[in-house]
Amino acid sequence: MTTESASATESQVARPSPSQEPFVWPGFARMHDLPRKPIRVTLVFKNREGATVLDRQIRTTPKPTYPNGRNCSPSNRQARLTVTEERSLIPR
């Protein structure tokens, strides 16, 4: 499954110093009609020069969302991922 390439510019604010807590930079990729079964996700980060700094794959199962509460019908499904400091990709 592939989506459009999302990019974000680096800034001094986004780079934590060793004494600060790690900066969490959330990202979002809009994908329509995610299935109810496991999918393979490939996440690639590139720097400004175009060099790959992270290239990971993971299998995860999208889960339904309940924007109007659990008592209402589910809406679209989402797959949430986290990149760790060790550059691992894990489902959330």
PDB file of N, CA and C in Angstrom:
ATOM      1  N   MET A   1       0.856  -1.152   0.000  1.00  0.00           N
ATOM      2  CA  MET A   1       0.000   0.000   0.000  1.00  0.00           C
ATOM      3  C   MET A   1       0.907   1.219   0.000  1.00  0.00           C
ATOM      4  N   THR A   2       0.621   2.171  -0.849  1.00  0.00           N
ATOM      5  CA  THR A   2       1.468   3.339  -0.992  1.00  0.00           C
ATOM      6  C   THR A   2       0.618   4.588  -0.910  1.00  0.00           C
ATOM      7  N   THR A   3       1.172   5.638  -0.362  1.00  0.00           N
ATOM      8  CA  THR A   3       0.499   6.924  -0.322  1.00  0.00           C
ATOM      9  C   THR A   3       1.441   7.982  -0.854  1.00  0.00           C
ATOM     10  N   GLU A   4       0.939   9.183  -1.002  1.00  0.00           N
ATOM     11  CA  GLU A   4       1.786  10.263  -1.471  1.00  0.00           C
ATOM     12  C   GLU A   4       2.893  10.519  -0.469  1.00  0.00           C
ATOM     13  N   SER A   5       3.988  11.037  -0.960  1.00  0.00           N
ATOM     14  CA  SER A   5       5.121  11.328  -0.100  1.00  0.00           C
ATOM     15  C   SER A   5       4.824  12.554   0.745  1.00  0.00           C
ATOM     16  N   ALA A   6       4.955  12.419   2.035  1.00  0.00           N
ATOM     17  CA  ALA A   6       4.788  13.564   2.929  1.00  0.00           C
ATOM     18  C   ALA A   6       6.162  14.056   3.318  1.00  0.00           C
ATOM     19  N   SER A   7       6.332  15.344   3.372  1.00  0.00           N
ATOM     20  CA  SER A   7       7.627  15.876   3.757  1.00  0.00           C
ATOM     21  C   SER A   7       7.442  16.969   4.785  1.00  0.00           C
ATOM     22  N   ALA A   8       8.420  17.127   5.612  1.00  0.00           N
ATOM     23  CA  ALA A   8       8.416  18.180   6.614  1.00  0.00           C
ATOM     24  C   ALA A   8       9.808  18.776   6.656  1.00  0.00           C
ATOM     25  N   THR A   9       9.872  20.058   6.854  1.00  0.00           N
ATOM     26  CA  THR A   9      11.177  20.707   6.899  1.00  0.00           C
ATOM     27  C   THR A   9      11.754  20.578   8.293  1.00  0.00           C
ATOM     28  N   GLU A  10      13.053  20.499   8.360  1.00  0.00           N
ATOM     29  CA  GLU A  10      13.724  20.440   9.650  1.00  0.00           C
ATOM     30  C   GLU A  10      13.814  21.851  10.209  1.00  0.00           C
ATOM     31  N   SER A  11      13.757  21.966  11.508  1.00  0.00           N
ATOM     32  CA  SER A  11      13.953  23.269  12.139  1.00  0.00           C
ATOM     33  C   SER A  11      14.750  23.056  13.411  1.00  0.00           C
ATOM     34  N   GLN A  12      15.329  24.127  13.900  1.00  0.00           N
ATOM     35  CA  GLN A  12      16.093  24.034  15.138  1.00  0.00           C
ATOM     36  C   GLN A  12      15.177  23.633  16.291  1.00  0.00           C
ATOM     37  N   VAL A  13      13.919  24.037  16.254  1.00  0.00           N
ATOM     38  CA  VAL A  13      12.975  23.694  17.307  1.00  0.00           C
ATOM     39  C   VAL A  13      12.740  22.195  17.348  1.00  0.00           C
ATOM     40  N   ALA A  14      12.774  21.538  16.197  1.00  0.00           N
ATOM     41  CA  ALA A  14      12.486  20.110  16.129  1.00  0.00           C
ATOM     42  C   ALA A  14      13.635  19.240  16.604  1.00  0.00           C
ATOM     43  N   ARG A  15      14.801  19.811  16.781  1.00  0.00           N
ATOM     44  CA  ARG A  15      15.958  19.033  17.219  1.00  0.00           C
ATOM     45  C   ARG A  15      16.180  19.232  18.712  1.00  0.00           C
ATOM     46  N   PRO A  16      15.932  18.211  19.519  1.00  0.00           N
ATOM     47  CA  PRO A  16      16.130  18.372  20.957  1.00  0.00           C
ATOM     48  C   PRO A  16      17.607  18.367  21.322  1.00  0.00           C
ATOM     49  N   SER A  17      17.932  19.120  22.330  1.00  0.00           N
ATOM     50  CA  SER A  17      19.288  19.057  22.850  1.00  0.00           C
ATOM     51  C   SER A  17      19.361  17.846  23.777  1.00  0.00           C
ATOM     52  N   PRO A  18      20.567  17.378  24.116  1.00  0.00           N
ATOM     53  CA  PRO A  18      20.674  16.196  24.980  1.00  0.00           C
ATOM     54  C   PRO A  18      19.975  16.344  26.325  1.00  0.00           C
ATOM     55  N   SER A  19      19.796  17.583  26.799  1.00  0.00           N
ATOM     56  CA  SER A  19      19.185  17.782  28.115  1.00  0.00           C
ATOM     57  C   SER A  19      17.662  17.883  28.036  1.00  0.00           C
ATOM     58  N   GLN A  20      17.092  17.994  26.836  1.00  0.00           N
ATOM     59  CA  GLN A  20      15.647  18.134  26.685  1.00  0.00           C
ATOM     60  C   GLN A  20      14.982  16.786  26.450  1.00  0.00           C
ATOM     61  N   GLU A  21      13.669  16.775  26.685  1.00  0.00           N
ATOM     62  CA  GLU A  21      12.871  15.599  26.338  1.00  0.00           C
ATOM     63  C   GLU A  21      12.852  15.469  24.823  1.00  0.00           C
ATOM     64  N   PRO A  22      12.735  14.252  24.288  1.00  0.00           N
ATOM     65  CA  PRO A  22      12.662  14.089  22.834  1.00  0.00           C
ATOM     66  C   PRO A  22      11.444  14.814  22.262  1.00  0.00           C
ATOM     67  N   PHE A  23      11.631  15.398  21.112  1.00  0.00           N
ATOM     68  CA  PHE A  23      10.546  16.102  20.433  1.00  0.00           C
ATOM     69  C   PHE A  23       9.673  15.093  19.714  1.00  0.00           C
ATOM     70  N   VAL A  24       8.380  15.192  19.881  1.00  0.00           N
ATOM     71  CA  VAL A  24       7.454  14.305  19.189  1.00  0.00           C
ATOM     72  C   VAL A  24       6.840  15.100  18.048  1.00  0.00           C
ATOM     73  N   TRP A  25       7.114  14.664  16.840  1.00  0.00           N
ATOM     74  CA  TRP A  25       6.621  15.349  15.663  1.00  0.00           C
ATOM     75  C   TRP A  25       5.583  14.464  15.003  1.00  0.00           C
ATOM     76  N   PRO A  26       4.298  14.696  15.296  1.00  0.00           N
ATOM     77  CA  PRO A  26       3.285  13.824  14.720  1.00  0.00           C
ATOM     78  C   PRO A  26       3.138  14.046  13.227  1.00  0.00           C
ATOM     79  N   GLY A  27       2.828  12.990  12.532  1.00  0.00           N
ATOM     80  CA  GLY A  27       2.588  13.086  11.107  1.00  0.00           C
ATOM     81  C   GLY A  27       1.306  12.356  10.765  1.00  0.00           C
ATOM     82  N   PHE A  28       0.782  12.627   9.596  1.00  0.00           N
ATOM     83  CA  PHE A  28      -0.476  12.033   9.193  1.00  0.00           C
ATOM     84  C   PHE A  28      -0.454  11.796   7.702  1.00  0.00           C
ATOM     85  N   ALA A  29      -0.840  10.616   7.286  1.00  0.00           N
ATOM     86  CA  ALA A  29      -0.975  10.305   5.862  1.00  0.00           C
ATOM     87  C   ALA A  29      -2.408   9.848   5.635  1.00  0.00           C
ATOM     88  N   ARG A  30      -3.115  10.539   4.790  1.00  0.00           N
ATOM     89  CA  ARG A  30      -4.516  10.204   4.527  1.00  0.00           C
ATOM     90  C   ARG A  30      -4.586   9.069   3.513  1.00  0.00           C
ATOM     91  N   MET A  31      -5.266   8.014   3.894  1.00  0.00           N
ATOM     92  CA  MET A  31      -5.451   6.861   3.015  1.00  0.00           C
ATOM     93  C   MET A  31      -6.903   6.445   3.119  1.00  0.00           C
ATOM     94  N   HIS A  32      -7.499   6.188   2.009  1.00  0.00           N
ATOM     95  CA  HIS A  32      -8.912   5.828   1.977  1.00  0.00           C
ATOM     96  C   HIS A  32      -9.087   4.308   1.938  1.00  0.00           C
ATOM     97  N   ASP A  33     -10.156   3.856   2.560  1.00  0.00           N
ATOM     98  CA  ASP A  33     -10.568   2.454   2.493  1.00  0.00           C
ATOM     99  C   ASP A  33      -9.524   1.465   3.004  1.00  0.00           C
ATOM    100  N   LEU A  34      -8.953   1.741   4.182  1.00  0.00           N
ATOM    101  CA  LEU A  34      -8.037   0.766   4.773  1.00  0.00           C
ATOM    102  C   LEU A  34      -8.823  -0.501   5.097  1.00  0.00           C
ATOM    103  N   PRO A  35      -8.248  -1.662   4.835  1.00  0.00           N
ATOM    104  CA  PRO A  35      -8.973  -2.918   5.076  1.00  0.00           C
ATOM    105  C   PRO A  35      -9.013  -3.281   6.553  1.00  0.00           C
ATOM    106  N   ARG A  36      -9.794  -4.289   6.873  1.00  0.00           N
ATOM    107  CA  ARG A  36      -9.887  -4.805   8.250  1.00  0.00           C
ATOM    108  C   ARG A  36      -8.842  -5.864   8.519  1.00  0.00           C
ATOM    109  N   LYS A  37      -8.000  -6.136   7.562  1.00  0.00           N
ATOM    110  CA  LYS A  37      -6.986  -7.174   7.713  1.00  0.00           C
ATOM    111  C   LYS A  37      -5.593  -6.528   7.779  1.00  0.00           C
ATOM    112  N   PRO A  38      -4.573  -7.288   8.166  1.00  0.00           N
ATOM    113  CA  PRO A  38      -3.223  -6.729   8.269  1.00  0.00           C
ATOM    114  C   PRO A  38      -2.739  -6.137   6.940  1.00  0.00           C
ATOM    115  N   ILE A  39      -2.018  -5.034   7.053  1.00  0.00           N
ATOM    116  CA  ILE A  39      -1.416  -4.373   5.892  1.00  0.00           C
ATOM    117  C   ILE A  39       0.079  -4.216   6.143  1.00  0.00           C
ATOM    118  N   ARG A  40       0.834  -4.069   5.074  1.00  0.00           N
ATOM    119  CA  ARG A  40       2.269  -3.793   5.184  1.00  0.00           C
ATOM    120  C   ARG A  40       2.472  -2.306   4.944  1.00  0.00           C
ATOM    121  N   VAL A  41       3.151  -1.652   5.881  1.00  0.00           N
ATOM    122  CA  VAL A  41       3.416  -0.220   5.796  1.00  0.00           C
ATOM    123  C   VAL A  41       4.918  -0.027   5.657  1.00  0.00           C
ATOM    124  N   THR A  42       5.315   0.787   4.701  1.00  0.00           N
ATOM    125  CA  THR A  42       6.717   1.160   4.533  1.00  0.00           C
ATOM    126  C   THR A  42       6.838   2.641   4.846  1.00  0.00           C
ATOM    127  N   LEU A  43       7.736   2.991   5.750  1.00  0.00           N
ATOM    128  CA  LEU A  43       7.954   4.375   6.137  1.00  0.00           C
ATOM    129  C   LEU A  43       9.385   4.747   5.777  1.00  0.00           C
ATOM    130  N   VAL A  44       9.530   5.807   4.981  1.00  0.00           N
ATOM    131  CA  VAL A  44      10.850   6.262   4.550  1.00  0.00           C
ATOM    132  C   VAL A  44      10.980   7.740   4.889  1.00  0.00           C
ATOM    133  N   PHE A  45      12.034   8.082   5.621  1.00  0.00           N
ATOM    134  CA  PHE A  45      12.363   9.485   5.894  1.00  0.00           C
ATOM    135  C   PHE A  45      13.611   9.833   5.117  1.00  0.00           C
ATOM    136  N   LYS A  46      13.601  11.006   4.498  1.00  0.00           N
ATOM    137  CA  LYS A  46      14.770  11.496   3.771  1.00  0.00           C
ATOM    138  C   LYS A  46      15.141  12.866   4.304  1.00  0.00           C
ATOM    139  N   ASN A  47      16.442  13.175   4.263  1.00  0.00           N
ATOM    140  CA  ASN A  47      16.868  14.497   4.687  1.00  0.00           C
ATOM    141  C   ASN A  47      16.753  15.473   3.521  1.00  0.00           C
ATOM    142  N   ARG A  48      17.147  16.711   3.734  1.00  0.00           N
ATOM    143  CA  ARG A  48      17.017  17.739   2.694  1.00  0.00           C
ATOM    144  C   ARG A  48      17.819  17.422   1.447  1.00  0.00           C
ATOM    145  N   GLU A  49      18.882  16.682   1.596  1.00  0.00           N
ATOM    146  CA  GLU A  49      19.715  16.327   0.452  1.00  0.00           C
ATOM    147  C   GLU A  49      19.153  15.127  -0.313  1.00  0.00           C
ATOM    148  N   GLY A  50      18.104  14.522   0.218  1.00  0.00           N
ATOM    149  CA  GLY A  50      17.483  13.381  -0.443  1.00  0.00           C
ATOM    150  C   GLY A  50      18.023  12.031  -0.003  1.00  0.00           C
ATOM    151  N   ALA A  51      18.947  12.034   0.945  1.00  0.00           N
ATOM    152  CA  ALA A  51      19.492  10.768   1.446  1.00  0.00           C
ATOM    153  C   ALA A  51      18.503  10.130   2.426  1.00  0.00           C
ATOM    154  N   THR A  52      18.344   8.829   2.337  1.00  0.00           N
ATOM    155  CA  THR A  52      17.437   8.105   3.223  1.00  0.00           C
ATOM    156  C   THR A  52      18.054   8.011   4.610  1.00  0.00           C
ATOM    157  N   VAL A  53      17.296   8.457   5.619  1.00  0.00           N
ATOM    158  CA  VAL A  53      17.760   8.369   7.007  1.00  0.00           C
ATOM    159  C   VAL A  53      16.980   7.315   7.794  1.00  0.00           C
ATOM    160  N   LEU A  54      15.858   6.861   7.248  1.00  0.00           N
ATOM    161  CA  LEU A  54      15.073   5.799   7.881  1.00  0.00           C
ATOM    162  C   LEU A  54      14.280   5.088   6.792  1.00  0.00           C
ATOM    163  N   ASP A  55      14.325   3.778   6.805  1.00  0.00           N
ATOM    164  CA  ASP A  55      13.561   2.973   5.843  1.00  0.00           C
ATOM    165  C   ASP A  55      13.130   1.708   6.574  1.00  0.00           C
ATOM    166  N   ARG A  56      11.883   1.662   7.009  1.00  0.00           N
ATOM    167  CA  ARG A  56      11.377   0.540   7.799  1.00  0.00           C
ATOM    168  C   ARG A  56      10.046   0.046   7.239  1.00  0.00           C
ATOM    169  N   GLN A  57       9.784  -1.239   7.467  1.00  0.00           N
ATOM    170  CA  GLN A  57       8.501  -1.845   7.106  1.00  0.00           C
ATOM    171  C   GLN A  57       7.923  -2.522   8.336  1.00  0.00           C
ATOM    172  N   ILE A  58       6.598  -2.570   8.380  1.00  0.00           N
ATOM    173  CA  ILE A  58       5.913  -3.221   9.485  1.00  0.00           C
ATOM    174  C   ILE A  58       4.543  -3.697   8.989  1.00  0.00           C
ATOM    175  N   ARG A  59       4.036  -4.737   9.622  1.00  0.00           N
ATOM    176  CA  ARG A  59       2.668  -5.190   9.353  1.00  0.00           C
ATOM    177  C   ARG A  59       1.820  -4.777  10.549  1.00  0.00           C
ATOM    178  N   THR A  60       0.655  -4.208  10.263  1.00  0.00           N
ATOM    179  CA  THR A  60      -0.255  -3.774  11.313  1.00  0.00           C
ATOM    180  C   THR A  60      -1.681  -3.897  10.795  1.00  0.00           C
ATOM    181  N   THR A  61      -2.629  -3.967  11.708  1.00  0.00           N
ATOM    182  CA  THR A  61      -4.037  -4.068  11.330  1.00  0.00           C
ATOM    183  C   THR A  61      -4.735  -2.755  11.670  1.00  0.00           C
ATOM    184  N   PRO A  62      -5.294  -2.063  10.666  1.00  0.00           N
ATOM    185  CA  PRO A  62      -6.031  -0.824  10.938  1.00  0.00           C
ATOM    186  C   PRO A  62      -7.225  -1.093  11.849  1.00  0.00           C
ATOM    187  N   LYS A  63      -7.457  -0.166  12.756  1.00  0.00           N
ATOM    188  CA  LYS A  63      -8.552  -0.299  13.714  1.00  0.00           C
ATOM    189  C   LYS A  63      -9.617   0.760  13.426  1.00  0.00           C
ATOM    190  N   PRO A  64     -10.898   0.440  13.666  1.00  0.00           N
ATOM    191  CA  PRO A  64     -11.957   1.418  13.415  1.00  0.00           C
ATOM    192  C   PRO A  64     -11.867   2.596  14.383  1.00  0.00           C
ATOM    193  N   THR A  65     -12.345   3.750  13.922  1.00  0.00           N
ATOM    194  CA  THR A  65     -12.416   4.922  14.781  1.00  0.00           C
ATOM    195  C   THR A  65     -13.879   5.168  15.140  1.00  0.00           C
ATOM    196  N   TYR A  66     -14.089   5.847  16.250  1.00  0.00           N
ATOM    197  CA  TYR A  66     -15.436   6.138  16.736  1.00  0.00           C
ATOM    198  C   TYR A  66     -15.529   7.643  17.020  1.00  0.00           C
ATOM    199  N   PRO A  67     -15.629   8.472  15.963  1.00  0.00           N
ATOM    200  CA  PRO A  67     -15.628   9.921  16.171  1.00  0.00           C
ATOM    201  C   PRO A  67     -16.841  10.426  16.950  1.00  0.00           C
ATOM    202  N   ASN A  68     -17.930   9.668  16.987  1.00  0.00           N
ATOM    203  CA  ASN A  68     -19.132  10.082  17.716  1.00  0.00           C
ATOM    204  C   ASN A  68     -19.330   9.284  18.997  1.00  0.00           C
ATOM    205  N   GLY A  69     -18.278   8.585  19.443  1.00  0.00           N
ATOM    206  CA  GLY A  69     -18.361   7.786  20.659  1.00  0.00           C
ATOM    207  C   GLY A  69     -18.579   6.319  20.371  1.00  0.00           C
ATOM    208  N   ARG A  70     -18.273   5.482  21.332  1.00  0.00           N
ATOM    209  CA  ARG A  70     -18.363   4.029  21.166  1.00  0.00           C
ATOM    210  C   ARG A  70     -19.796   3.534  21.010  1.00  0.00           C
ATOM    211  N   ASN A  71     -20.780   4.340  21.378  1.00  0.00           N
ATOM    212  CA  ASN A  71     -22.176   3.925  21.242  1.00  0.00           C
ATOM    213  C   ASN A  71     -22.698   4.110  19.826  1.00  0.00           C
ATOM    214  N   CYS A  72     -21.902   4.740  18.951  1.00  0.00           N
ATOM    215  CA  CYS A  72     -22.302   4.962  17.558  1.00  0.00           C
ATOM    216  C   CYS A  72     -21.505   4.035  16.638  1.00  0.00           C
ATOM    217  N   SER A  73     -21.940   3.940  15.413  1.00  0.00           N
ATOM    218  CA  SER A  73     -21.263   3.094  14.420  1.00  0.00           C
ATOM    219  C   SER A  73     -19.835   3.585  14.187  1.00  0.00           C
ATOM    220  N   PRO A  74     -18.917   2.647  13.924  1.00  0.00           N
ATOM    221  CA  PRO A  74     -17.534   3.055  13.652  1.00  0.00           C
ATOM    222  C   PRO A  74     -17.438   3.772  12.308  1.00  0.00           C
ATOM    223  N   SER A  75     -16.410   4.591  12.195  1.00  0.00           N
ATOM    224  CA  SER A  75     -16.153   5.327  10.961  1.00  0.00           C
ATOM    225  C   SER A  75     -15.003   4.653  10.234  1.00  0.00           C
ATOM    226  N   ASN A  76     -14.129   5.420   9.649  1.00  0.00           N
ATOM    227  CA  ASN A  76     -12.972   4.880   8.935  1.00  0.00           C
ATOM    228  C   ASN A  76     -12.025   4.160   9.887  1.00  0.00           C
ATOM    229  N   ARG A  77     -11.079   3.432   9.314  1.00  0.00           N
ATOM    230  CA  ARG A  77     -10.065   2.740  10.115  1.00  0.00           C
ATOM    231  C   ARG A  77      -8.752   3.504  10.054  1.00  0.00           C
ATOM    232  N   GLN A  78      -7.955   3.365  11.119  1.00  0.00           N
ATOM    233  CA  GLN A  78      -6.656   4.021  11.205  1.00  0.00           C
ATOM    234  C   GLN A  78      -5.598   3.014  11.622  1.00  0.00           C
ATOM    235  N   ALA A  79      -4.387   3.245  11.133  1.00  0.00           N
ATOM    236  CA  ALA A  79      -3.211   2.499  11.591  1.00  0.00           C
ATOM    237  C   ALA A  79      -2.266   3.537  12.186  1.00  0.00           C
ATOM    238  N   ARG A  80      -1.898   3.355  13.445  1.00  0.00           N
ATOM    239  CA  ARG A  80      -1.031   4.319  14.128  1.00  0.00           C
ATOM    240  C   ARG A  80       0.319   3.674  14.386  1.00  0.00           C
ATOM    241  N   LEU A  81       1.378   4.416  14.103  1.00  0.00           N
ATOM    242  CA  LEU A  81       2.743   3.911  14.239  1.00  0.00           C
ATOM    243  C   LEU A  81       3.587   4.903  15.015  1.00  0.00           C
ATOM    244  N   THR A  82       4.644   4.389  15.639  1.00  0.00           N
ATOM    245  CA  THR A  82       5.606   5.216  16.352  1.00  0.00           C
ATOM    246  C   THR A  82       7.005   4.830  15.908  1.00  0.00           C
ATOM    247  N   VAL A  83       7.850   5.842  15.689  1.00  0.00           N
ATOM    248  CA  VAL A  83       9.271   5.614  15.420  1.00  0.00           C
ATOM    249  C   VAL A  83       9.996   5.875  16.732  1.00  0.00           C
ATOM    250  N   THR A  84      10.733   4.886  17.214  1.00  0.00           N
ATOM    251  CA  THR A  84      11.440   5.025  18.485  1.00  0.00           C
ATOM    252  C   THR A  84      12.784   5.720  18.291  1.00  0.00           C
ATOM    253  N   GLU A  85      13.412   6.090  19.394  1.00  0.00           N
ATOM    254  CA  GLU A  85      14.744   6.705  19.337  1.00  0.00           C
ATOM    255  C   GLU A  85      15.761   5.764  18.700  1.00  0.00           C
ATOM    256  N   GLU A  86      15.520   4.458  18.803  1.00  0.00           N
ATOM    257  CA  GLU A  86      16.419   3.463  18.220  1.00  0.00           C
ATOM    258  C   GLU A  86      16.116   3.219  16.733  1.00  0.00           C
ATOM    259  N   ARG A  87      15.185   4.012  16.183  1.00  0.00           N
ATOM    260  CA  ARG A  87      14.770   3.931  14.784  1.00  0.00           C
ATOM    261  C   ARG A  87      13.995   2.657  14.465  1.00  0.00           C
ATOM    262  N   SER A  88      13.307   2.125  15.459  1.00  0.00           N
ATOM    263  CA  SER A  88      12.399   1.004  15.242  1.00  0.00           C
ATOM    264  C   SER A  88      11.023   1.565  14.931  1.00  0.00           C
ATOM    265  N   LEU A  89      10.237   0.796  14.212  1.00  0.00           N
ATOM    266  CA  LEU A  89       8.872   1.177  13.880  1.00  0.00           C
ATOM    267  C   LEU A  89       7.942   0.219  14.599  1.00  0.00           C
ATOM    268  N   ILE A  90       7.054   0.755  15.435  1.00  0.00           N
ATOM    269  CA  ILE A  90       6.156  -0.092  16.220  1.00  0.00           C
ATOM    270  C   ILE A  90       4.714   0.387  16.062  1.00  0.00           C
ATOM    271  N   PRO A  91       3.734  -0.535  16.074  1.00  0.00           N
ATOM    272  CA  PRO A  91       2.323  -0.125  16.038  1.00  0.00           C
ATOM    273  C   PRO A  91       1.913   0.419  17.385  1.00  0.00           C
ATOM    274  N   ARG A  92       0.942   1.335  17.382  1.00  0.00           N
ATOM    275  CA  ARG A  92       0.418   1.890  18.628  1.00  0.00           C
ATOM    276  C   ARG A  92      -1.012   1.458  18.810  1.00  0.00           C
TER     277      ARG A  92
END
